[in-house]
Amino acid sequence: MKLPRRQFLHFAAGAAALPAISRIASAQTYPAHPVRLIVPIAPAGGGDILARLMGQWLSERLGQQFIIDNRPGGGGNLGTEVVVRAPADGYTLLLVGSYNAVNATFYDKLKYNFLRDIAPVAGIIRSPYVLVVNPSVPAKTVPELVAYAKANPRKLSMASAGTGTGSHTTGELFKMMTGVDMVHVPYRSGGSAVTDLLAGQVQVLFNPPLVSIAHIRAGRLHALAVTTATRLDVLLDVPTVGDFVPGYEASTWYGFGAPTNTPTDIVDKLNKEINAALADPKMKALISDMGAAPFVSSPADFGKFIADETEKWGKVIRAANIKPV
């Protein structure tokens, strides 16, 4: 049967509009059932706490439960693989972190390509590390530390929470940009590193502010600088490393990702709600208490940031020849 031209054009126009209508409908109905948020790190840490805060916010705003599913192991790789293999329907999300940018180069044979297989949704926070030293170190500023380390090569030990962790790579970037030679001493956790730093077994550590602030205020550790480009609200009297080492910047960060090909309208809806959370005064206060700052971004901006971080830390890992142990 041949349709009249006017009727054919009517149906053709309707068919062309179907994909757009479908996308709008998916955004309007999403989420229709609980969403699983994979957290590829152990419970009770800063990232896990952050994921639970955001999960609660999204549950209340979107009317469905966002279930936290901790999948630690492999430096964040095990949990990331779960999301890479999940359906791209918005019902499995990933707590993305700076570990993902490091792992892309740190591990030779990953079962996924993070930049290709995970779609950026939104940033959540950025937080500096604090360059702290044991009070026995005769340096109260970054220039004094650099001068002492150069005059006494390999006399200072730089602790970290483990090979390839943020505290390690941040320290290696500092060593590269200042030309100092400190001995890296990896620990199994940040807590163990702090214990030995307080005891004077090691002398230098790049540590998250939440862990360091109490020791700094009590005088048990000296804070020389923070690693982000701007000062930290809770340590306003502590300068940035970049004040003395031009171009230096490092941070730990978190955000949300989803399997590649997750519908754009769902990604945009999540991005909008996450950014609304970051603008909420109570959420901003909680983030500040964690020694962090809100990381408001579009999906595209967050994706570019991840790509830049992956390239940056890849160069550091290759230059310092950092390998898994």
C-alpha atoms as a PDB file:
ATOM      1  CA  MET A   1       0.000   0.000   0.000  1.00  0.00           C
ATOM      2  CA  LYS A   2       1.346   3.398  -0.991  1.00  0.00           C
ATOM      3  CA  LEU A   3       0.780   6.160   1.536  1.00  0.00           C
ATOM      4  CA  PRO A   4      -0.224   9.662   0.463  1.00  0.00           C
ATOM      5  CA  ARG A   5       2.764  12.024   0.548  1.00  0.00           C
ATOM      6  CA  ARG A   6       1.400  14.125   3.446  1.00  0.00           C
ATOM      7  CA  GLN A   7       0.736  11.032   5.579  1.00  0.00           C
ATOM      8  CA  PHE A   8       4.167   9.602   4.717  1.00  0.00           C
ATOM      9  CA  LEU A   9       5.900  12.798   5.795  1.00  0.00           C
ATOM     10  CA  HIS A  10       3.893  12.792   9.030  1.00  0.00           C
ATOM     11  CA  PHE A  11       5.006   9.260   9.895  1.00  0.00           C
ATOM     12  CA  ALA A  12       8.601   9.988   8.826  1.00  0.00           C
ATOM     13  CA  ALA A  13       8.758  13.010  11.100  1.00  0.00           C
ATOM     14  CA  GLY A  14       7.352  10.957  13.954  1.00  0.00           C
ATOM     15  CA  ALA A  15       9.894   8.186  13.420  1.00  0.00           C
ATOM     16  CA  ALA A  16      12.758  10.674  13.387  1.00  0.00           C
ATOM     17  CA  ALA A  17      11.600  12.084  16.712  1.00  0.00           C
ATOM     18  CA  LEU A  18      11.444   8.681  18.439  1.00  0.00           C
ATOM     19  CA  PRO A  19      15.131   8.514  19.520  1.00  0.00           C
ATOM     20  CA  ALA A  20      14.881  11.966  21.095  1.00  0.00           C
ATOM     21  CA  ILE A  21      11.602  11.091  22.808  1.00  0.00           C
ATOM     22  CA  SER A  22      13.147   7.843  24.059  1.00  0.00           C
ATOM     23  CA  ARG A  23      16.121   9.700  25.515  1.00  0.00           C
ATOM     24  CA  ILE A  24      13.889  12.234  27.239  1.00  0.00           C
ATOM     25  CA  ALA A  25      11.720   9.441  28.618  1.00  0.00           C
ATOM     26  CA  SER A  26      14.729   7.564  29.978  1.00  0.00           C
ATOM     27  CA  ALA A  27      15.911  10.672  31.789  1.00  0.00           C
ATOM     28  CA  GLN A  28      12.439  11.307  33.211  1.00  0.00           C
ATOM     29  CA  THR A  29      12.016   7.754  34.497  1.00  0.00           C
ATOM     30  CA  TYR A  30      15.596   7.215  35.679  1.00  0.00           C
ATOM     31  CA  PRO A  31      16.165   5.695  38.132  1.00  0.00           C
ATOM     32  CA  ALA A  32      13.294   3.222  38.070  1.00  0.00           C
ATOM     33  CA  HIS A  33      14.969   0.841  40.538  1.00  0.00           C
ATOM     34  CA  PRO A  34      17.968   0.905  42.928  1.00  0.00           C
ATOM     35  CA  VAL A  35      21.378   1.944  41.600  1.00  0.00           C
ATOM     36  CA  ARG A  36      24.593   0.182  42.605  1.00  0.00           C
ATOM     37  CA  LEU A  37      27.583   2.411  43.349  1.00  0.00           C
ATOM     38  CA  ILE A  38      30.815   0.414  43.210  1.00  0.00           C
ATOM     39  CA  VAL A  39      33.439   1.756  45.615  1.00  0.00           C
ATOM     40  CA  PRO A  40      36.768   0.098  44.701  1.00  0.00           C
ATOM     41  CA  ILE A  41      38.347   0.838  48.075  1.00  0.00           C
ATOM     42  CA  ALA A  42      37.840  -0.522  51.582  1.00  0.00           C
ATOM     43  CA  PRO A  43      35.079   0.755  53.892  1.00  0.00           C
ATOM     44  CA  ALA A  44      35.613   3.576  56.418  1.00  0.00           C
ATOM     45  CA  GLY A  45      38.198   5.544  54.426  1.00  0.00           C
ATOM     46  CA  GLY A  46      37.661   9.077  53.158  1.00  0.00           C
ATOM     47  CA  GLY A  47      36.542   7.945  49.714  1.00  0.00           C
ATOM     48  CA  ASP A  48      34.053   5.481  51.157  1.00  0.00           C
ATOM     49  CA  ILE A  49      32.608   8.119  53.494  1.00  0.00           C
ATOM     50  CA  LEU A  50      32.274  10.503  50.560  1.00  0.00           C
ATOM     51  CA  ALA A  51      30.521   7.856  48.441  1.00  0.00           C
ATOM     52  CA  ARG A  52      28.006   7.237  51.223  1.00  0.00           C
ATOM     53  CA  LEU A  53      27.300  10.958  51.613  1.00  0.00           C
ATOM     54  CA  MET A  54      26.685  11.330  47.891  1.00  0.00           C
ATOM     55  CA  GLY A  55      24.711   8.097  47.731  1.00  0.00           C
ATOM     56  CA  GLN A  56      22.376   9.318  50.463  1.00  0.00           C
ATOM     57  CA  TRP A  57      21.926  12.652  48.682  1.00  0.00           C
ATOM     58  CA  LEU A  58      21.108  10.991  45.359  1.00  0.00           C
ATOM     59  CA  SER A  59      18.734   8.526  47.035  1.00  0.00           C
ATOM     60  CA  GLU A  60      16.765  11.373  48.569  1.00  0.00           C
ATOM     61  CA  ARG A  61      16.770  13.508  45.415  1.00  0.00           C
ATOM     62  CA  LEU A  62      15.989  10.792  42.878  1.00  0.00           C
ATOM     63  CA  GLY A  63      13.669   8.563  44.893  1.00  0.00           C
ATOM     64  CA  GLN A  64      15.624   5.325  44.538  1.00  0.00           C
ATOM     65  CA  GLN A  65      18.255   3.801  46.766  1.00  0.00           C
ATOM     66  CA  PHE A  66      21.893   4.186  45.742  1.00  0.00           C
ATOM     67  CA  ILE A  67      23.494   1.081  47.235  1.00  0.00           C
ATOM     68  CA  ILE A  68      27.176   1.240  48.211  1.00  0.00           C
ATOM     69  CA  ASP A  69      29.056  -1.879  47.101  1.00  0.00           C
ATOM     70  CA  ASN A  70      32.680  -1.954  48.329  1.00  0.00           C
ATOM     71  CA  ARG A  71      34.960  -3.943  46.024  1.00  0.00           C
ATOM     72  CA  PRO A  72      38.525  -3.259  47.237  1.00  0.00           C
ATOM     73  CA  GLY A  73      41.564  -4.928  45.741  1.00  0.00           C
ATOM     74  CA  GLY A  74      44.180  -4.468  43.078  1.00  0.00           C
ATOM     75  CA  GLY A  75      44.676  -0.805  43.871  1.00  0.00           C
ATOM     76  CA  GLY A  76      41.117  -0.053  42.728  1.00  0.00           C
ATOM     77  CA  ASN A  77      41.263  -2.266  39.641  1.00  0.00           C
ATOM     78  CA  LEU A  78      38.903  -5.020  40.827  1.00  0.00           C
ATOM     79  CA  GLY A  79      36.009  -2.684  41.456  1.00  0.00           C
ATOM     80  CA  THR A  80      36.685  -0.744  38.277  1.00  0.00           C
ATOM     81  CA  GLU A  81      36.496  -3.969  36.239  1.00  0.00           C
ATOM     82  CA  VAL A  82      33.052  -4.686  37.696  1.00  0.00           C
ATOM     83  CA  VAL A  83      31.755  -1.396  36.297  1.00  0.00           C
ATOM     84  CA  VAL A  84      33.536  -1.783  32.950  1.00  0.00           C
ATOM     85  CA  ARG A  85      31.686  -5.086  32.429  1.00  0.00           C
ATOM     86  CA  ALA A  86      28.303  -3.832  33.674  1.00  0.00           C
ATOM     87  CA  PRO A  87      25.425  -2.844  31.369  1.00  0.00           C
ATOM     88  CA  ALA A  88      25.621   0.770  30.222  1.00  0.00           C
ATOM     89  CA  ASP A  89      22.203   1.668  31.631  1.00  0.00           C
ATOM     90  CA  GLY A  90      23.033   3.989  34.530  1.00  0.00           C
ATOM     91  CA  TYR A  91      22.339   1.378  37.211  1.00  0.00           C
ATOM     92  CA  THR A  92      25.995   0.603  37.953  1.00  0.00           C
ATOM     93  CA  LEU A  93      28.239   3.549  38.797  1.00  0.00           C
ATOM     94  CA  LEU A  94      31.872   3.813  39.885  1.00  0.00           C
ATOM     95  CA  LEU A  95      33.555   5.945  42.507  1.00  0.00           C
ATOM     96  CA  VAL A  96      36.365   7.200  40.295  1.00  0.00           C
ATOM     97  CA  GLY A  97      39.551   8.322  41.996  1.00  0.00           C
ATOM     98  CA  SER A  98      43.096   9.501  41.402  1.00  0.00           C
ATOM     99  CA  TYR A  99      44.115   5.840  41.663  1.00  0.00           C
ATOM    100  CA  ASN A 100      42.499   5.271  38.261  1.00  0.00           C
ATOM    101  CA  ALA A 101      44.764   7.873  36.636  1.00  0.00           C
ATOM    102  CA  VAL A 102      47.851   6.317  38.241  1.00  0.00           C
ATOM    103  CA  ASN A 103      46.897   2.710  37.512  1.00  0.00           C
ATOM    104  CA  ALA A 104      46.724   3.328  33.764  1.00  0.00           C
ATOM    105  CA  THR A 105      50.543   3.422  33.693  1.00  0.00           C
ATOM    106  CA  PHE A 106      51.464   1.751  36.973  1.00  0.00           C
ATOM    107  CA  TYR A 107      50.034  -1.619  35.885  1.00  0.00           C
ATOM    108  CA  ASP A 108      51.343  -3.027  32.613  1.00  0.00           C
ATOM    109  CA  LYS A 109      48.490  -5.389  31.772  1.00  0.00           C
ATOM    110  CA  LEU A 110      45.099  -4.095  32.846  1.00  0.00           C
ATOM    111  CA  LYS A 111      41.991  -5.845  31.571  1.00  0.00           C
ATOM    112  CA  TYR A 112      40.451  -2.531  30.562  1.00  0.00           C
ATOM    113  CA  ASN A 113      41.349   0.901  29.217  1.00  0.00           C
ATOM    114  CA  PHE A 114      39.985   3.384  31.718  1.00  0.00           C
ATOM    115  CA  LEU A 115      39.762   6.380  29.387  1.00  0.00           C
ATOM    116  CA  ARG A 116      37.959   4.274  26.798  1.00  0.00           C
ATOM    117  CA  ASP A 117      35.764   2.084  29.007  1.00  0.00           C
ATOM    118  CA  ILE A 118      34.510   4.487  31.705  1.00  0.00           C
ATOM    119  CA  ALA A 119      32.386   7.535  30.912  1.00  0.00           C
ATOM    120  CA  PRO A 120      32.999  10.551  33.187  1.00  0.00           C
ATOM    121  CA  VAL A 121      29.897  11.688  35.074  1.00  0.00           C
ATOM    122  CA  ALA A 122      30.992  14.341  37.579  1.00  0.00           C
ATOM    123  CA  GLY A 123      33.786  15.369  39.879  1.00  0.00           C
ATOM    124  CA  ILE A 124      33.080  15.434  43.613  1.00  0.00           C
ATOM    125  CA  ILE A 125      36.125  16.667  45.543  1.00  0.00           C
ATOM    126  CA  ARG A 126      39.761  17.600  45.234  1.00  0.00           C
ATOM    127  CA  SER A 127      42.031  17.501  48.256  1.00  0.00           C
ATOM    128  CA  PRO A 128      45.719  18.317  48.719  1.00  0.00           C
ATOM    129  CA  TYR A 129      48.362  16.305  50.405  1.00  0.00           C
ATOM    130  CA  VAL A 130      50.250  18.068  53.174  1.00  0.00           C
ATOM    131  CA  LEU A 131      54.044  17.945  53.123  1.00  0.00           C
ATOM    132  CA  VAL A 132      54.860  17.156  56.750  1.00  0.00           C
ATOM    133  CA  VAL A 133      58.184  16.462  58.430  1.00  0.00           C
ATOM    134  CA  ASN A 134      59.274  15.153  61.787  1.00  0.00           C
ATOM    135  CA  PRO A 135      60.315  18.061  64.072  1.00  0.00           C
ATOM    136  CA  SER A 136      63.869  16.684  64.100  1.00  0.00           C
ATOM    137  CA  VAL A 137      64.301  17.768  60.461  1.00  0.00           C
ATOM    138  CA  PRO A 138      66.119  21.146  60.434  1.00  0.00           C
ATOM    139  CA  ALA A 139      63.702  22.720  57.951  1.00  0.00           C
ATOM    140  CA  LYS A 140      60.682  24.932  58.540  1.00  0.00           C
ATOM    141  CA  THR A 141      60.038  25.814  54.890  1.00  0.00           C
ATOM    142  CA  VAL A 142      60.123  24.075  51.506  1.00  0.00           C
ATOM    143  CA  PRO A 143      63.305  25.917  50.411  1.00  0.00           C
ATOM    144  CA  GLU A 144      65.013  24.884  53.654  1.00  0.00           C
ATOM    145  CA  LEU A 145      63.959  21.250  53.115  1.00  0.00           C
ATOM    146  CA  VAL A 146      65.248  21.277  49.538  1.00  0.00           C
ATOM    147  CA  ALA A 147      68.566  22.838  50.616  1.00  0.00           C
ATOM    148  CA  TYR A 148      69.014  20.319  53.439  1.00  0.00           C
ATOM    149  CA  ALA A 149      68.139  17.357  51.223  1.00  0.00           C
ATOM    150  CA  LYS A 150      70.585  18.491  48.533  1.00  0.00           C
ATOM    151  CA  ALA A 151      73.334  18.958  51.097  1.00  0.00           C
ATOM    152  CA  ASN A 152      72.588  15.517  52.560  1.00  0.00           C
ATOM    153  CA  PRO A 153      71.593  13.239  49.658  1.00  0.00           C
ATOM    154  CA  ARG A 154      69.680  10.087  50.691  1.00  0.00           C
ATOM    155  CA  LYS A 155      69.879  11.038  54.363  1.00  0.00           C
ATOM    156  CA  LEU A 156      66.141  11.800  54.492  1.00  0.00           C
ATOM    157  CA  SER A 157      63.599   8.987  54.219  1.00  0.00           C
ATOM    158  CA  MET A 158      60.288   9.753  52.499  1.00  0.00           C
ATOM    159  CA  ALA A 159      57.491   7.500  53.702  1.00  0.00           C
ATOM    160  CA  SER A 160      54.385   6.624  51.714  1.00  0.00           C
ATOM    161  CA  ALA A 161      51.199   4.591  52.121  1.00  0.00           C
ATOM    162  CA  GLY A 162      52.587   2.135  49.581  1.00  0.00           C
ATOM    163  CA  THR A 163      54.294   1.947  46.213  1.00  0.00           C
ATOM    164  CA  GLY A 164      52.193   3.643  43.553  1.00  0.00           C
ATOM    165  CA  THR A 165      49.841   5.347  46.013  1.00  0.00           C
ATOM    166  CA  GLY A 166      49.102   9.053  45.846  1.00  0.00           C
ATOM    167  CA  SER A 167      51.443   9.827  48.737  1.00  0.00           C
ATOM    168  CA  HIS A 168      54.227   8.077  46.799  1.00  0.00           C
ATOM    169  CA  THR A 169      53.671   9.590  43.347  1.00  0.00           C
ATOM    170  CA  THR A 170      53.147  13.053  44.859  1.00  0.00           C
ATOM    171  CA  GLY A 171      56.503  12.720  46.601  1.00  0.00           C
ATOM    172  CA  GLU A 172      58.209  11.474  43.447  1.00  0.00           C
ATOM    173  CA  LEU A 173      56.907  14.513  41.555  1.00  0.00           C
ATOM    174  CA  PHE A 174      58.396  16.723  44.276  1.00  0.00           C
ATOM    175  CA  LYS A 175      61.740  14.930  44.013  1.00  0.00           C
ATOM    176  CA  MET A 176      61.765  15.290  40.225  1.00  0.00           C
ATOM    177  CA  MET A 177      60.914  18.996  40.222  1.00  0.00           C
ATOM    178  CA  THR A 178      63.360  19.949  43.000  1.00  0.00           C
ATOM    179  CA  GLY A 179      66.202  17.568  42.177  1.00  0.00           C
ATOM    180  CA  VAL A 180      66.424  16.148  45.701  1.00  0.00           C
ATOM    181  CA  ASP A 181      67.289  12.542  46.486  1.00  0.00           C
ATOM    182  CA  MET A 182      65.282  11.087  49.361  1.00  0.00           C
ATOM    183  CA  VAL A 183      64.927   7.371  50.082  1.00  0.00           C
ATOM    184  CA  HIS A 184      61.398   6.103  49.499  1.00  0.00           C
ATOM    185  CA  VAL A 185      60.067   3.878  52.295  1.00  0.00           C
ATOM    186  CA  PRO A 186      56.712   2.293  51.399  1.00  0.00           C
ATOM    187  CA  TYR A 187      54.304   1.124  54.112  1.00  0.00           C
ATOM    188  CA  ARG A 188      51.201  -1.035  53.927  1.00  0.00           C
ATOM    189  CA  SER A 189      49.003   1.867  54.969  1.00  0.00           C
ATOM    190  CA  GLY A 190      49.069   5.574  55.629  1.00  0.00           C
ATOM    191  CA  GLY A 191      48.492   4.949  59.329  1.00  0.00           C
ATOM    192  CA  SER A 192      51.674   2.885  59.628  1.00  0.00           C
ATOM    193  CA  ALA A 193      53.642   5.578  57.811  1.00  0.00           C
ATOM    194  CA  VAL A 194      52.384   8.258  60.207  1.00  0.00           C
ATOM    195  CA  THR A 195      53.278   6.125  63.231  1.00  0.00           C
ATOM    196  CA  ASP A 196      56.901   5.809  62.114  1.00  0.00           C
ATOM    197  CA  LEU A 197      57.038   9.471  61.086  1.00  0.00           C
ATOM    198  CA  LEU A 198      55.973  10.513  64.579  1.00  0.00           C
ATOM    199  CA  ALA A 199      58.636   8.196  66.029  1.00  0.00           C
ATOM    200  CA  GLY A 200      61.326   9.650  63.778  1.00  0.00           C
ATOM    201  CA  GLN A 201      61.969   6.395  61.910  1.00  0.00           C
ATOM    202  CA  VAL A 202      61.248   8.317  58.689  1.00  0.00           C
ATOM    203  CA  GLN A 203      61.427  12.060  58.219  1.00  0.00           C
ATOM    204  CA  VAL A 204      59.140  13.189  55.355  1.00  0.00           C
ATOM    205  CA  LEU A 205      55.608  12.327  54.268  1.00  0.00           C
ATOM    206  CA  PHE A 206      52.984  13.651  51.859  1.00  0.00           C
ATOM    207  CA  ASN A 207      49.813  12.900  53.776  1.00  0.00           C
ATOM    208  CA  PRO A 208      46.060  13.679  53.521  1.00  0.00           C
ATOM    209  CA  PRO A 209      45.117  16.694  55.673  1.00  0.00           C
ATOM    210  CA  LEU A 210      42.366  14.850  57.537  1.00  0.00           C
ATOM    211  CA  VAL A 211      45.001  12.518  59.001  1.00  0.00           C
ATOM    212  CA  SER A 212      47.645  15.188  59.586  1.00  0.00           C
ATOM    213  CA  ILE A 213      45.820  18.174  61.049  1.00  0.00           C
ATOM    214  CA  ALA A 214      45.634  16.951  64.664  1.00  0.00           C
ATOM    215  CA  HIS A 215      49.362  16.150  64.719  1.00  0.00           C
ATOM    216  CA  ILE A 216      50.211  19.503  63.106  1.00  0.00           C
ATOM    217  CA  ARG A 217      48.163  21.468  65.623  1.00  0.00           C
ATOM    218  CA  ALA A 218      49.718  19.538  68.506  1.00  0.00           C
ATOM    219  CA  GLY A 219      53.228  20.283  67.215  1.00  0.00           C
ATOM    220  CA  ARG A 220      54.057  16.626  66.671  1.00  0.00           C
ATOM    221  CA  LEU A 221      54.583  17.256  62.954  1.00  0.00           C
ATOM    222  CA  HIS A 222      55.619  20.358  61.034  1.00  0.00           C
ATOM    223  CA  ALA A 223      53.545  21.275  57.966  1.00  0.00           C
ATOM    224  CA  LEU A 224      55.716  22.860  55.281  1.00  0.00           C
ATOM    225  CA  ALA A 225      53.197  23.149  52.434  1.00  0.00           C
ATOM    226  CA  VAL A 226      50.067  21.807  50.769  1.00  0.00           C
ATOM    227  CA  THR A 227      50.251  20.343  47.282  1.00  0.00           C
ATOM    228  CA  THR A 228      47.302  22.023  45.549  1.00  0.00           C
ATOM    229  CA  ALA A 229      47.525  25.368  43.739  1.00  0.00           C
ATOM    230  CA  THR A 230      45.578  27.142  46.488  1.00  0.00           C
ATOM    231  CA  ARG A 231      45.813  27.043  50.262  1.00  0.00           C
ATOM    232  CA  LEU A 232      43.558  24.849  52.352  1.00  0.00           C
ATOM    233  CA  ASP A 233      40.824  26.534  54.396  1.00  0.00           C
ATOM    234  CA  VAL A 234      41.666  24.541  57.520  1.00  0.00           C
ATOM    235  CA  LEU A 235      45.421  25.305  57.153  1.00  0.00           C
ATOM    236  CA  LEU A 236      45.386  28.852  55.812  1.00  0.00           C
ATOM    237  CA  ASP A 237      48.780  29.682  57.323  1.00  0.00           C
ATOM    238  CA  VAL A 238      50.463  26.846  55.396  1.00  0.00           C
ATOM    239  CA  PRO A 239      51.718  27.873  51.931  1.00  0.00           C
ATOM    240  CA  THR A 240      51.526  25.793  48.762  1.00  0.00           C
ATOM    241  CA  VAL A 241      54.453  23.849  47.321  1.00  0.00           C
ATOM    242  CA  GLY A 242      53.888  25.840  44.132  1.00  0.00           C
ATOM    243  CA  ASP A 243      54.771  29.040  45.994  1.00  0.00           C
ATOM    244  CA  PHE A 244      58.372  27.771  45.979  1.00  0.00           C
ATOM    245  CA  VAL A 245      58.386  25.192  43.161  1.00  0.00           C
ATOM    246  CA  PRO A 246      56.676  26.853  40.172  1.00  0.00           C
ATOM    247  CA  GLY A 247      54.250  24.563  38.376  1.00  0.00           C
ATOM    248  CA  TYR A 248      54.042  21.985  41.120  1.00  0.00           C
ATOM    249  CA  GLU A 249      50.517  20.763  41.842  1.00  0.00           C
ATOM    250  CA  ALA A 250      49.112  17.457  43.040  1.00  0.00           C
ATOM    251  CA  SER A 251      45.881  16.341  44.615  1.00  0.00           C
ATOM    252  CA  THR A 252      43.801  13.370  45.500  1.00  0.00           C
ATOM    253  CA  TRP A 253      40.352  13.510  43.917  1.00  0.00           C
ATOM    254  CA  TYR A 254      37.114  11.600  43.539  1.00  0.00           C
ATOM    255  CA  GLY A 255      34.181  11.622  41.193  1.00  0.00           C
ATOM    256  CA  PHE A 256      31.595   9.370  39.574  1.00  0.00           C
ATOM    257  CA  GLY A 257      31.914   7.364  36.374  1.00  0.00           C
ATOM    258  CA  ALA A 258      29.712   4.934  34.452  1.00  0.00           C
ATOM    259  CA  PRO A 259      30.231   2.322  31.742  1.00  0.00           C
ATOM    260  CA  THR A 260      30.965   3.825  28.345  1.00  0.00           C
ATOM    261  CA  ASN A 261      27.838   4.321  26.219  1.00  0.00           C
ATOM    262  CA  THR A 262      25.645   5.049  29.232  1.00  0.00           C
ATOM    263  CA  PRO A 263      22.880   7.296  27.810  1.00  0.00           C
ATOM    264  CA  THR A 264      23.948  10.925  27.752  1.00  0.00           C
ATOM    265  CA  ASP A 265      20.691  12.116  29.303  1.00  0.00           C
ATOM    266  CA  ILE A 266      21.236   9.856  32.326  1.00  0.00           C
ATOM    267  CA  VAL A 267      24.825  11.067  32.698  1.00  0.00           C
ATOM    268  CA  ASP A 268      23.627  14.676  32.492  1.00  0.00           C
ATOM    269  CA  LYS A 269      20.901  14.057  35.069  1.00  0.00           C
ATOM    270  CA  LEU A 270      23.396  12.563  37.518  1.00  0.00           C
ATOM    271  CA  ASN A 271      25.834  15.396  36.854  1.00  0.00           C
ATOM    272  CA  LYS A 272      23.154  17.977  37.612  1.00  0.00           C
ATOM    273  CA  GLU A 273      22.186  16.337  40.908  1.00  0.00           C
ATOM    274  CA  ILE A 274      25.800  15.834  42.010  1.00  0.00           C
ATOM    275  CA  ASN A 275      26.629  19.477  41.307  1.00  0.00           C
ATOM    276  CA  ALA A 276      23.515  20.472  43.271  1.00  0.00           C
ATOM    277  CA  ALA A 277      24.884  18.500  46.216  1.00  0.00           C
ATOM    278  CA  LEU A 278      28.234  20.279  45.957  1.00  0.00           C
ATOM    279  CA  ALA A 279      26.435  23.635  46.124  1.00  0.00           C
ATOM    280  CA  ASP A 280      24.498  22.679  49.251  1.00  0.00           C
ATOM    281  CA  PRO A 281      25.881  24.524  52.327  1.00  0.00           C
ATOM    282  CA  LYS A 282      25.720  21.461  54.581  1.00  0.00           C
ATOM    283  CA  MET A 283      27.503  19.280  52.041  1.00  0.00           C
ATOM    284  CA  LYS A 284      30.108  21.973  51.462  1.00  0.00           C
ATOM    285  CA  ALA A 285      30.751  22.145  55.211  1.00  0.00           C
ATOM    286  CA  LEU A 286      31.181  18.362  55.435  1.00  0.00           C
ATOM    287  CA  ILE A 287      33.602  18.405  52.505  1.00  0.00           C
ATOM    288  CA  SER A 288      35.578  21.245  54.100  1.00  0.00           C
ATOM    289  CA  ASP A 289      35.812  19.257  57.339  1.00  0.00           C
ATOM    290  CA  MET A 290      37.421  16.470  55.288  1.00  0.00           C
ATOM    291  CA  GLY A 291      40.151  18.900  54.221  1.00  0.00           C
ATOM    292  CA  ALA A 292      38.823  19.043  50.667  1.00  0.00           C
ATOM    293  CA  ALA A 293      37.086  21.369  48.221  1.00  0.00           C
ATOM    294  CA  PRO A 294      34.049  20.683  45.991  1.00  0.00           C
ATOM    295  CA  PHE A 295      34.986  19.714  42.442  1.00  0.00           C
ATOM    296  CA  VAL A 296      32.141  21.066  40.301  1.00  0.00           C
ATOM    297  CA  SER A 297      32.437  20.010  36.664  1.00  0.00           C
ATOM    298  CA  SER A 298      30.561  19.012  33.537  1.00  0.00           C
ATOM    299  CA  PRO A 299      31.047  15.448  32.229  1.00  0.00           C
ATOM    300  CA  ALA A 300      33.297  16.832  29.478  1.00  0.00           C
ATOM    301  CA  ASP A 301      35.396  18.891  31.904  1.00  0.00           C
ATOM    302  CA  PHE A 302      35.765  15.940  34.265  1.00  0.00           C
ATOM    303  CA  GLY A 303      36.790  13.716  31.350  1.00  0.00           C
ATOM    304  CA  LYS A 304      39.490  16.159  30.257  1.00  0.00           C
ATOM    305  CA  PHE A 305      40.732  16.426  33.830  1.00  0.00           C
ATOM    306  CA  ILE A 306      41.053  12.619  34.088  1.00  0.00           C
ATOM    307  CA  ALA A 307      42.906  12.458  30.764  1.00  0.00           C
ATOM    308  CA  ASP A 308      45.311  15.196  31.883  1.00  0.00           C
ATOM    309  CA  GLU A 309      45.917  13.476  35.222  1.00  0.00           C
ATOM    310  CA  THR A 310      46.535  10.147  33.478  1.00  0.00           C
ATOM    311  CA  GLU A 311      49.147  11.740  31.228  1.00  0.00           C
ATOM    312  CA  LYS A 312      50.775  13.654  34.091  1.00  0.00           C
ATOM    313  CA  TRP A 313      51.190  10.696  36.430  1.00  0.00           C
ATOM    314  CA  GLY A 314      52.196   8.432  33.566  1.00  0.00           C
ATOM    315  CA  LYS A 315      55.230  10.647  33.006  1.00  0.00           C
ATOM    316  CA  VAL A 316      56.120  10.550  36.717  1.00  0.00           C
ATOM    317  CA  ILE A 317      55.766   6.773  36.960  1.00  0.00           C
ATOM    318  CA  ARG A 318      57.894   6.177  33.879  1.00  0.00           C
ATOM    319  CA  ALA A 319      60.569   8.692  34.900  1.00  0.00           C
ATOM    320  CA  ALA A 320      60.852   7.289  38.436  1.00  0.00           C
ATOM    321  CA  ASN A 321      60.530   3.709  37.136  1.00  0.00           C
ATOM    322  CA  ILE A 322      57.808   2.897  39.669  1.00  0.00           C
ATOM    323  CA  LYS A 323      56.706  -0.731  39.475  1.00  0.00           C
ATOM    324  CA  PRO A 324      54.203  -2.799  41.476  1.00  0.00           C
ATOM    325  CA  VAL A 325      55.790  -4.852  44.263  1.00  0.00           C
END
